[in-house]
Amino acid sequence: MVLGKLMKKLLKTTENLTENNRIFMRPEVISLTGFEDDNTAREMADVSVYVPSHKYGIVESIHNLILQEAVDLIMERDGVKL
């Protein structure tokens, strides 16, 4: 599943940034975009989450869903209990 692969990549990025509280490598740039598929943010990013829709609410809702899942996975990885 594409979302699962993206979440693993996001988690790996956070691990690279937080090892011993020091940055060992350039952080990857992740873009969350929609509307036109040839936008600058998408082209500049290492990882691009593109929603092929011209409806603002749809694009924002899908991005929010992805970010919520990323937070849940990071909290689970770090042992945070709610």
N, C-alpha and C. Protein backbone atom coordinates (compact mmCIF):
# COMPACT_ATOMS: atom_id res chain seq x y z
N MET A 1 0.84 -1.18 0.00
CA MET A 1 0.00 0.00 0.00
C MET A 1 0.88 1.24 0.00
N VAL A 2 0.57 2.20 -0.82
CA VAL A 2 1.38 3.41 -0.96
C VAL A 2 1.47 4.17 0.36
N LEU A 3 0.36 4.31 1.08
CA LEU A 3 0.37 5.05 2.34
C LEU A 3 1.31 4.41 3.35
N GLY A 4 1.34 3.08 3.41
CA GLY A 4 2.24 2.39 4.33
C GLY A 4 3.70 2.65 4.02
N LYS A 5 4.06 2.64 2.74
CA LYS A 5 5.44 2.92 2.34
C LYS A 5 5.82 4.36 2.68
N LEU A 6 4.89 5.28 2.47
CA LEU A 6 5.14 6.68 2.80
C LEU A 6 5.36 6.85 4.29
N MET A 7 4.53 6.19 5.10
CA MET A 7 4.67 6.32 6.55
C MET A 7 6.02 5.77 7.01
N LYS A 8 6.48 4.66 6.44
CA LYS A 8 7.78 4.12 6.80
C LYS A 8 8.89 5.10 6.45
N LYS A 9 8.78 5.76 5.30
CA LYS A 9 9.78 6.74 4.89
C LYS A 9 9.77 7.95 5.83
N LEU A 10 8.59 8.39 6.23
CA LEU A 10 8.48 9.51 7.17
C LEU A 10 9.11 9.15 8.51
N LEU A 11 8.84 7.94 8.99
CA LEU A 11 9.42 7.52 10.27
C LEU A 11 10.93 7.42 10.19
N LYS A 12 11.45 6.90 9.09
CA LYS A 12 12.91 6.81 8.92
C LYS A 12 13.53 8.19 8.93
N THR A 13 12.86 9.16 8.32
CA THR A 13 13.36 10.53 8.32
C THR A 13 13.43 11.08 9.73
N THR A 14 12.41 10.83 10.55
CA THR A 14 12.44 11.34 11.93
C THR A 14 13.53 10.64 12.73
N GLU A 15 13.78 9.35 12.47
CA GLU A 15 14.85 8.64 13.17
C GLU A 15 16.21 9.24 12.83
N ASN A 16 16.43 9.58 11.57
CA ASN A 16 17.70 10.18 11.16
C ASN A 16 17.91 11.52 11.85
N LEU A 17 16.84 12.26 12.08
CA LEU A 17 16.97 13.59 12.67
C LEU A 17 17.16 13.54 14.18
N THR A 18 16.66 12.50 14.84
CA THR A 18 16.64 12.52 16.29
C THR A 18 17.68 11.63 16.95
N GLU A 19 18.48 10.93 16.20
CA GLU A 19 19.49 10.06 16.78
C GLU A 19 20.47 10.89 17.61
N ASN A 20 20.48 10.65 18.91
CA ASN A 20 21.33 11.38 19.86
C ASN A 20 21.11 12.89 19.80
N ASN A 21 19.92 13.31 19.39
CA ASN A 21 19.56 14.73 19.30
C ASN A 21 20.50 15.52 18.40
N ARG A 22 21.12 14.87 17.47
CA ARG A 22 22.02 15.54 16.53
C ARG A 22 21.60 15.20 15.12
N ILE A 23 21.79 16.12 14.23
CA ILE A 23 21.46 15.87 12.83
C ILE A 23 22.69 15.33 12.13
N PHE A 24 22.58 14.13 11.58
CA PHE A 24 23.67 13.49 10.90
C PHE A 24 23.60 13.64 9.39
N MET A 25 22.46 14.03 8.90
CA MET A 25 22.29 14.15 7.47
C MET A 25 21.26 15.23 7.16
N ARG A 26 21.26 15.69 5.93
CA ARG A 26 20.27 16.68 5.52
C ARG A 26 18.89 16.05 5.63
N PRO A 27 17.97 16.73 6.29
CA PRO A 27 16.62 16.17 6.37
C PRO A 27 15.97 16.13 4.99
N GLU A 28 15.15 15.14 4.78
CA GLU A 28 14.42 15.07 3.53
C GLU A 28 13.29 16.09 3.54
N VAL A 29 13.02 16.65 2.40
CA VAL A 29 11.93 17.61 2.26
C VAL A 29 10.70 16.86 1.79
N ILE A 30 9.61 17.00 2.53
CA ILE A 30 8.36 16.34 2.20
C ILE A 30 7.34 17.41 1.84
N SER A 31 6.74 17.28 0.66
CA SER A 31 5.72 18.25 0.27
C SER A 31 4.34 17.60 0.26
N LEU A 32 3.37 18.36 0.69
CA LEU A 32 1.97 17.95 0.64
C LEU A 32 1.29 18.92 -0.32
N THR A 33 0.92 18.44 -1.48
CA THR A 33 0.37 19.33 -2.49
C THR A 33 -0.89 18.74 -3.12
N GLY A 34 -1.53 19.57 -3.90
CA GLY A 34 -2.72 19.18 -4.65
C GLY A 34 -2.87 20.10 -5.84
N PHE A 35 -4.03 20.10 -6.42
CA PHE A 35 -4.36 20.94 -7.56
C PHE A 35 -3.55 20.54 -8.79
N GLU A 36 -2.55 21.30 -9.18
CA GLU A 36 -1.77 21.02 -10.40
C GLU A 36 -0.62 20.06 -10.08
N ASP A 37 -0.40 19.08 -10.94
CA ASP A 37 0.64 18.09 -10.67
C ASP A 37 2.05 18.57 -11.00
N ASP A 38 2.18 19.68 -11.68
CA ASP A 38 3.52 20.19 -12.03
C ASP A 38 3.88 21.42 -11.19
N ASN A 39 3.60 21.36 -9.89
CA ASN A 39 3.90 22.52 -9.04
C ASN A 39 5.32 22.47 -8.50
N THR A 40 5.85 23.62 -8.17
CA THR A 40 7.24 23.76 -7.74
C THR A 40 7.53 22.99 -6.46
N ALA A 41 6.63 23.04 -5.49
CA ALA A 41 6.87 22.34 -4.21
C ALA A 41 7.02 20.85 -4.44
N ARG A 42 6.22 20.31 -5.31
CA ARG A 42 6.29 18.87 -5.60
C ARG A 42 7.61 18.52 -6.27
N GLU A 43 8.06 19.36 -7.17
CA GLU A 43 9.30 19.10 -7.89
C GLU A 43 10.53 19.22 -6.99
N MET A 44 10.49 20.10 -5.99
CA MET A 44 11.64 20.33 -5.12
C MET A 44 11.76 19.31 -3.99
N ALA A 45 10.70 18.59 -3.70
CA ALA A 45 10.68 17.69 -2.55
C ALA A 45 11.37 16.36 -2.84
N ASP A 46 11.90 15.77 -1.77
CA ASP A 46 12.44 14.42 -1.85
C ASP A 46 11.30 13.40 -1.84
N VAL A 47 10.28 13.71 -1.06
CA VAL A 47 9.08 12.88 -0.97
C VAL A 47 7.89 13.80 -1.21
N SER A 48 7.04 13.41 -2.13
CA SER A 48 5.90 14.26 -2.46
C SER A 48 4.60 13.49 -2.26
N VAL A 49 3.70 14.11 -1.51
CA VAL A 49 2.36 13.56 -1.34
C VAL A 49 1.44 14.46 -2.15
N TYR A 50 1.04 13.99 -3.31
CA TYR A 50 0.23 14.78 -4.23
C TYR A 50 -1.19 14.21 -4.29
N VAL A 51 -2.16 15.06 -4.08
CA VAL A 51 -3.57 14.67 -4.18
C VAL A 51 -4.11 15.24 -5.49
N PRO A 52 -4.48 14.38 -6.43
CA PRO A 52 -4.92 14.85 -7.75
C PRO A 52 -6.37 15.34 -7.73
N SER A 53 -6.57 16.48 -7.07
CA SER A 53 -7.90 17.06 -6.99
C SER A 53 -7.77 18.57 -7.02
N HIS A 54 -8.78 19.23 -7.54
CA HIS A 54 -8.83 20.69 -7.54
C HIS A 54 -9.77 21.21 -6.46
N LYS A 55 -10.24 20.33 -5.60
CA LYS A 55 -11.14 20.72 -4.51
C LYS A 55 -10.33 20.86 -3.24
N TYR A 56 -10.25 22.09 -2.74
CA TYR A 56 -9.43 22.41 -1.59
C TYR A 56 -9.73 21.50 -0.39
N GLY A 57 -10.99 21.31 -0.08
CA GLY A 57 -11.37 20.50 1.08
C GLY A 57 -10.91 19.07 0.96
N ILE A 58 -10.99 18.49 -0.22
CA ILE A 58 -10.55 17.11 -0.45
C ILE A 58 -9.04 17.01 -0.24
N VAL A 59 -8.30 17.93 -0.84
CA VAL A 59 -6.84 17.93 -0.73
C VAL A 59 -6.42 18.06 0.74
N GLU A 60 -6.99 19.02 1.44
CA GLU A 60 -6.63 19.24 2.85
C GLU A 60 -7.03 18.05 3.72
N SER A 61 -8.17 17.46 3.47
CA SER A 61 -8.63 16.31 4.27
C SER A 61 -7.69 15.12 4.11
N ILE A 62 -7.26 14.85 2.90
CA ILE A 62 -6.35 13.72 2.67
C ILE A 62 -4.98 14.00 3.29
N HIS A 63 -4.49 15.23 3.17
CA HIS A 63 -3.22 15.58 3.81
C HIS A 63 -3.34 15.43 5.32
N ASN A 64 -4.45 15.88 5.89
CA ASN A 64 -4.66 15.77 7.33
C ASN A 64 -4.68 14.30 7.77
N LEU A 65 -5.33 13.45 7.00
CA LEU A 65 -5.37 12.03 7.31
C LEU A 65 -3.96 11.44 7.35
N ILE A 66 -3.15 11.79 6.39
CA ILE A 66 -1.77 11.30 6.33
C ILE A 66 -0.96 11.80 7.52
N LEU A 67 -1.10 13.07 7.86
CA LEU A 67 -0.36 13.63 8.99
C LEU A 67 -0.81 13.01 10.31
N GLN A 68 -2.11 12.77 10.46
CA GLN A 68 -2.61 12.11 11.68
C GLN A 68 -2.00 10.72 11.83
N GLU A 69 -1.93 9.98 10.74
CA GLU A 69 -1.35 8.64 10.76
C GLU A 69 0.14 8.71 11.11
N ALA A 70 0.85 9.68 10.57
CA ALA A 70 2.27 9.84 10.88
C ALA A 70 2.48 10.11 12.36
N VAL A 71 1.67 10.98 12.93
CA VAL A 71 1.78 11.27 14.37
C VAL A 71 1.49 10.03 15.19
N ASP A 72 0.45 9.28 14.84
CA ASP A 72 0.12 8.05 15.56
C ASP A 72 1.29 7.05 15.51
N LEU A 73 1.90 6.88 14.34
CA LEU A 73 3.01 5.95 14.21
C LEU A 73 4.24 6.39 15.00
N ILE A 74 4.51 7.68 15.00
CA ILE A 74 5.65 8.20 15.77
C ILE A 74 5.41 8.01 17.26
N MET A 75 4.19 8.30 17.71
CA MET A 75 3.86 8.12 19.13
C MET A 75 3.96 6.64 19.53
N GLU A 76 3.48 5.77 18.68
CA GLU A 76 3.57 4.34 18.95
C GLU A 76 5.02 3.89 19.01
N ARG A 77 5.82 4.35 18.06
CA ARG A 77 7.24 4.00 18.03
C ARG A 77 7.95 4.46 19.29
N ASP A 78 7.58 5.64 19.78
CA ASP A 78 8.24 6.22 20.95
C ASP A 78 7.62 5.77 22.26
N GLY A 79 6.63 4.89 22.21
CA GLY A 79 6.04 4.34 23.42
C GLY A 79 5.09 5.26 24.14
N VAL A 80 4.55 6.24 23.46
CA VAL A 80 3.60 7.17 24.09
C VAL A 80 2.26 6.48 24.19
N LYS A 81 1.68 6.46 25.40
CA LYS A 81 0.38 5.86 25.64
C LYS A 81 -0.63 6.96 25.92
N LEU A 82 -1.77 6.87 25.29
CA LEU A 82 -2.85 7.83 25.56
C LEU A 82 -4.00 7.15 26.23
